[in-house]
Amino acid sequence: RIVMNPPFDRGQWRAHLEAAAKLLKPHGRLVAIFPTSAEKIELDGFNCWCPQRFDNEFAGTSVSVVILVVERKAA
């Protein structure tokens, strides 16, 4: 299992996601906070879904985020 909140700046979240996903064993799960642009992401060999979205929930910011769940498919 992996839980993460990577940096969003300049799309860094994508590199963090790809690196972390490689560490998952079959049926392993990653849960992370990502910008809403990750909502429709697809990764080969993984099931990805966003069970929750938060729009402008953080005081003093206009950031909207999603909770992203990534699960490695069975080998």
N, C-alpha and C. Protein backbone atom coordinates (compact mmCIF):
# COMPACT_ATOMS: atom_id res chain seq x y z
N ARG A 1 0.84 -1.17 0.00
CA ARG A 1 0.00 0.00 0.00
C ARG A 1 0.89 1.24 0.00
N ILE A 2 0.42 2.23 -0.72
CA ILE A 2 1.13 3.50 -0.77
C ILE A 2 0.11 4.62 -0.60
N VAL A 3 0.41 5.57 0.26
CA VAL A 3 -0.40 6.77 0.44
C VAL A 3 0.51 7.94 0.18
N MET A 4 0.05 8.89 -0.66
CA MET A 4 0.95 9.99 -1.00
C MET A 4 0.20 11.28 -1.32
N ASN A 5 0.93 12.37 -1.17
CA ASN A 5 0.46 13.70 -1.52
C ASN A 5 1.65 14.40 -2.20
N PRO A 6 1.90 14.07 -3.47
CA PRO A 6 3.08 14.62 -4.15
C PRO A 6 2.90 16.08 -4.54
N PRO A 7 3.99 16.74 -4.92
CA PRO A 7 3.88 18.12 -5.40
C PRO A 7 3.10 18.18 -6.71
N PHE A 8 2.29 19.21 -6.86
CA PHE A 8 1.47 19.40 -8.07
C PHE A 8 2.18 20.26 -9.10
N ASP A 9 3.10 21.11 -8.63
CA ASP A 9 3.74 22.11 -9.47
C ASP A 9 4.38 21.50 -10.72
N ARG A 10 4.13 22.11 -11.87
CA ARG A 10 4.70 21.71 -13.16
C ARG A 10 4.46 20.24 -13.49
N GLY A 11 3.32 19.71 -13.04
CA GLY A 11 2.97 18.33 -13.38
C GLY A 11 3.81 17.27 -12.70
N GLN A 12 4.50 17.65 -11.64
CA GLN A 12 5.37 16.69 -10.94
C GLN A 12 4.61 15.49 -10.39
N TRP A 13 3.32 15.66 -10.14
CA TRP A 13 2.52 14.57 -9.59
C TRP A 13 2.56 13.34 -10.49
N ARG A 14 2.61 13.56 -11.82
CA ARG A 14 2.60 12.44 -12.76
C ARG A 14 3.85 11.57 -12.60
N ALA A 15 5.02 12.18 -12.50
CA ALA A 15 6.26 11.43 -12.32
C ALA A 15 6.25 10.67 -11.00
N HIS A 16 5.73 11.30 -9.96
CA HIS A 16 5.64 10.64 -8.65
C HIS A 16 4.69 9.45 -8.72
N LEU A 17 3.58 9.63 -9.41
CA LEU A 17 2.60 8.55 -9.56
C LEU A 17 3.22 7.36 -10.29
N GLU A 18 3.86 7.63 -11.41
CA GLU A 18 4.45 6.55 -12.20
C GLU A 18 5.54 5.81 -11.43
N ALA A 19 6.37 6.53 -10.69
CA ALA A 19 7.42 5.89 -9.90
C ALA A 19 6.83 5.04 -8.77
N ALA A 20 5.84 5.57 -8.09
CA ALA A 20 5.21 4.84 -6.98
C ALA A 20 4.45 3.62 -7.47
N ALA A 21 3.76 3.74 -8.59
CA ALA A 21 2.97 2.63 -9.13
C ALA A 21 3.87 1.43 -9.45
N LYS A 22 5.10 1.67 -9.87
CA LYS A 22 6.03 0.59 -10.18
C LYS A 22 6.38 -0.24 -8.95
N LEU A 23 6.19 0.33 -7.76
CA LEU A 23 6.52 -0.37 -6.52
C LEU A 23 5.41 -1.31 -6.06
N LEU A 24 4.23 -1.19 -6.65
CA LEU A 24 3.09 -2.00 -6.22
C LEU A 24 3.19 -3.43 -6.72
N LYS A 25 2.84 -4.37 -5.85
CA LYS A 25 2.73 -5.77 -6.22
C LYS A 25 1.34 -5.99 -6.82
N PRO A 26 1.08 -7.14 -7.45
CA PRO A 26 -0.27 -7.40 -7.96
C PRO A 26 -1.32 -7.22 -6.84
N HIS A 27 -2.36 -6.53 -7.16
CA HIS A 27 -3.45 -6.16 -6.24
C HIS A 27 -3.03 -5.11 -5.22
N GLY A 28 -1.80 -4.59 -5.32
CA GLY A 28 -1.36 -3.52 -4.43
C GLY A 28 -2.11 -2.25 -4.76
N ARG A 29 -2.26 -1.39 -3.77
CA ARG A 29 -3.08 -0.19 -3.94
C ARG A 29 -2.34 1.06 -3.52
N LEU A 30 -2.52 2.11 -4.30
CA LEU A 30 -1.98 3.43 -4.04
C LEU A 30 -3.16 4.38 -3.92
N VAL A 31 -3.14 5.22 -2.90
CA VAL A 31 -4.17 6.25 -2.71
C VAL A 31 -3.46 7.57 -2.57
N ALA A 32 -3.89 8.56 -3.35
CA ALA A 32 -3.17 9.84 -3.35
C ALA A 32 -4.12 11.00 -3.58
N ILE A 33 -3.64 12.17 -3.20
CA ILE A 33 -4.33 13.43 -3.50
C ILE A 33 -3.64 14.01 -4.72
N PHE A 34 -4.42 14.31 -5.75
CA PHE A 34 -3.89 14.84 -7.00
C PHE A 34 -4.76 15.99 -7.49
N PRO A 35 -4.23 16.80 -8.40
CA PRO A 35 -5.05 17.84 -9.01
C PRO A 35 -6.15 17.18 -9.85
N THR A 36 -7.20 17.91 -10.11
CA THR A 36 -8.33 17.35 -10.85
C THR A 36 -7.96 16.90 -12.25
N SER A 37 -6.83 17.36 -12.78
CA SER A 37 -6.40 16.89 -14.10
C SER A 37 -6.07 15.40 -14.09
N ALA A 38 -5.91 14.80 -12.93
CA ALA A 38 -5.63 13.37 -12.82
C ALA A 38 -6.90 12.53 -12.82
N GLU A 39 -8.03 13.18 -12.85
CA GLU A 39 -9.31 12.49 -12.68
C GLU A 39 -9.56 11.40 -13.72
N LYS A 40 -9.09 11.58 -14.93
CA LYS A 40 -9.35 10.63 -16.01
C LYS A 40 -8.09 9.86 -16.42
N ILE A 41 -7.13 9.77 -15.53
CA ILE A 41 -5.85 9.14 -15.87
C ILE A 41 -6.02 7.64 -16.12
N GLU A 42 -5.20 7.13 -17.03
CA GLU A 42 -5.15 5.70 -17.31
C GLU A 42 -3.69 5.27 -17.29
N LEU A 43 -3.43 4.15 -16.65
CA LEU A 43 -2.09 3.57 -16.60
C LEU A 43 -2.19 2.11 -17.02
N ASP A 44 -1.36 1.69 -17.95
CA ASP A 44 -1.37 0.30 -18.40
C ASP A 44 -1.06 -0.64 -17.25
N GLY A 45 -1.89 -1.66 -17.08
CA GLY A 45 -1.68 -2.65 -16.04
C GLY A 45 -2.27 -2.27 -14.69
N PHE A 46 -3.01 -1.15 -14.66
CA PHE A 46 -3.58 -0.67 -13.40
C PHE A 46 -5.04 -0.28 -13.58
N ASN A 47 -5.83 -0.47 -12.53
CA ASN A 47 -7.17 0.09 -12.48
C ASN A 47 -7.05 1.41 -11.73
N CYS A 48 -7.63 2.48 -12.28
CA CYS A 48 -7.56 3.81 -11.66
C CYS A 48 -8.97 4.37 -11.53
N TRP A 49 -9.27 4.94 -10.37
CA TRP A 49 -10.57 5.59 -10.20
C TRP A 49 -10.47 6.68 -9.14
N CYS A 50 -11.40 7.61 -9.23
CA CYS A 50 -11.45 8.75 -8.30
C CYS A 50 -12.78 8.72 -7.55
N PRO A 51 -12.78 8.20 -6.34
CA PRO A 51 -14.03 8.13 -5.59
C PRO A 51 -14.50 9.46 -5.01
N GLN A 52 -13.61 10.46 -4.96
CA GLN A 52 -14.01 11.72 -4.35
C GLN A 52 -13.27 12.90 -4.95
N ARG A 53 -13.98 14.01 -5.06
CA ARG A 53 -13.43 15.26 -5.58
C ARG A 53 -13.72 16.37 -4.56
N PHE A 54 -12.76 17.27 -4.40
CA PHE A 54 -12.91 18.40 -3.49
C PHE A 54 -12.66 19.68 -4.27
N ASP A 55 -13.68 20.49 -4.44
CA ASP A 55 -13.57 21.74 -5.19
C ASP A 55 -13.41 22.92 -4.23
N ASN A 56 -12.30 23.63 -4.35
CA ASN A 56 -12.04 24.84 -3.57
C ASN A 56 -12.28 24.64 -2.07
N GLU A 57 -11.79 23.53 -1.56
CA GLU A 57 -12.01 23.17 -0.15
C GLU A 57 -10.96 23.74 0.79
N PHE A 58 -9.86 24.22 0.24
CA PHE A 58 -8.75 24.65 1.08
C PHE A 58 -8.73 26.16 1.21
N ALA A 59 -8.83 26.64 2.43
CA ALA A 59 -8.90 28.07 2.71
C ALA A 59 -7.71 28.81 2.10
N GLY A 60 -8.00 29.91 1.43
CA GLY A 60 -6.97 30.76 0.87
C GLY A 60 -6.41 30.27 -0.45
N THR A 61 -6.98 29.21 -1.02
CA THR A 61 -6.52 28.71 -2.31
C THR A 61 -7.71 28.48 -3.24
N SER A 62 -7.44 28.32 -4.49
CA SER A 62 -8.49 27.97 -5.45
C SER A 62 -8.20 26.59 -6.03
N VAL A 63 -7.51 25.77 -5.25
CA VAL A 63 -7.11 24.44 -5.70
C VAL A 63 -8.25 23.45 -5.53
N SER A 64 -8.51 22.68 -6.57
CA SER A 64 -9.45 21.57 -6.51
C SER A 64 -8.65 20.30 -6.69
N VAL A 65 -9.01 19.26 -5.93
CA VAL A 65 -8.24 18.02 -5.96
C VAL A 65 -9.18 16.82 -6.03
N VAL A 66 -8.58 15.68 -6.36
CA VAL A 66 -9.30 14.41 -6.32
C VAL A 66 -8.51 13.43 -5.46
N ILE A 67 -9.23 12.48 -4.92
CA ILE A 67 -8.59 11.33 -4.30
C ILE A 67 -8.50 10.30 -5.42
N LEU A 68 -7.30 9.86 -5.74
CA LEU A 68 -7.08 8.88 -6.80
C LEU A 68 -6.68 7.56 -6.18
N VAL A 69 -7.34 6.49 -6.63
CA VAL A 69 -6.99 5.14 -6.20
C VAL A 69 -6.45 4.40 -7.41
N VAL A 70 -5.29 3.78 -7.24
CA VAL A 70 -4.65 3.02 -8.31
C VAL A 70 -4.38 1.63 -7.77
N GLU A 71 -4.83 0.61 -8.50
CA GLU A 71 -4.61 -0.76 -8.06
C GLU A 71 -3.96 -1.55 -9.20
N ARG A 72 -2.84 -2.23 -8.88
CA ARG A 72 -2.16 -3.02 -9.91
C ARG A 72 -3.00 -4.26 -10.21
N LYS A 73 -3.21 -4.52 -11.49
CA LYS A 73 -3.95 -5.71 -11.92
C LYS A 73 -3.13 -6.96 -11.63
N ALA A 74 -3.81 -8.08 -11.53
CA ALA A 74 -3.12 -9.36 -11.32
C ALA A 74 -2.22 -9.66 -12.51
N ALA A 75 -1.12 -10.30 -12.23
CA ALA A 75 -0.14 -10.63 -13.29
C ALA A 75 -0.67 -11.67 -14.25
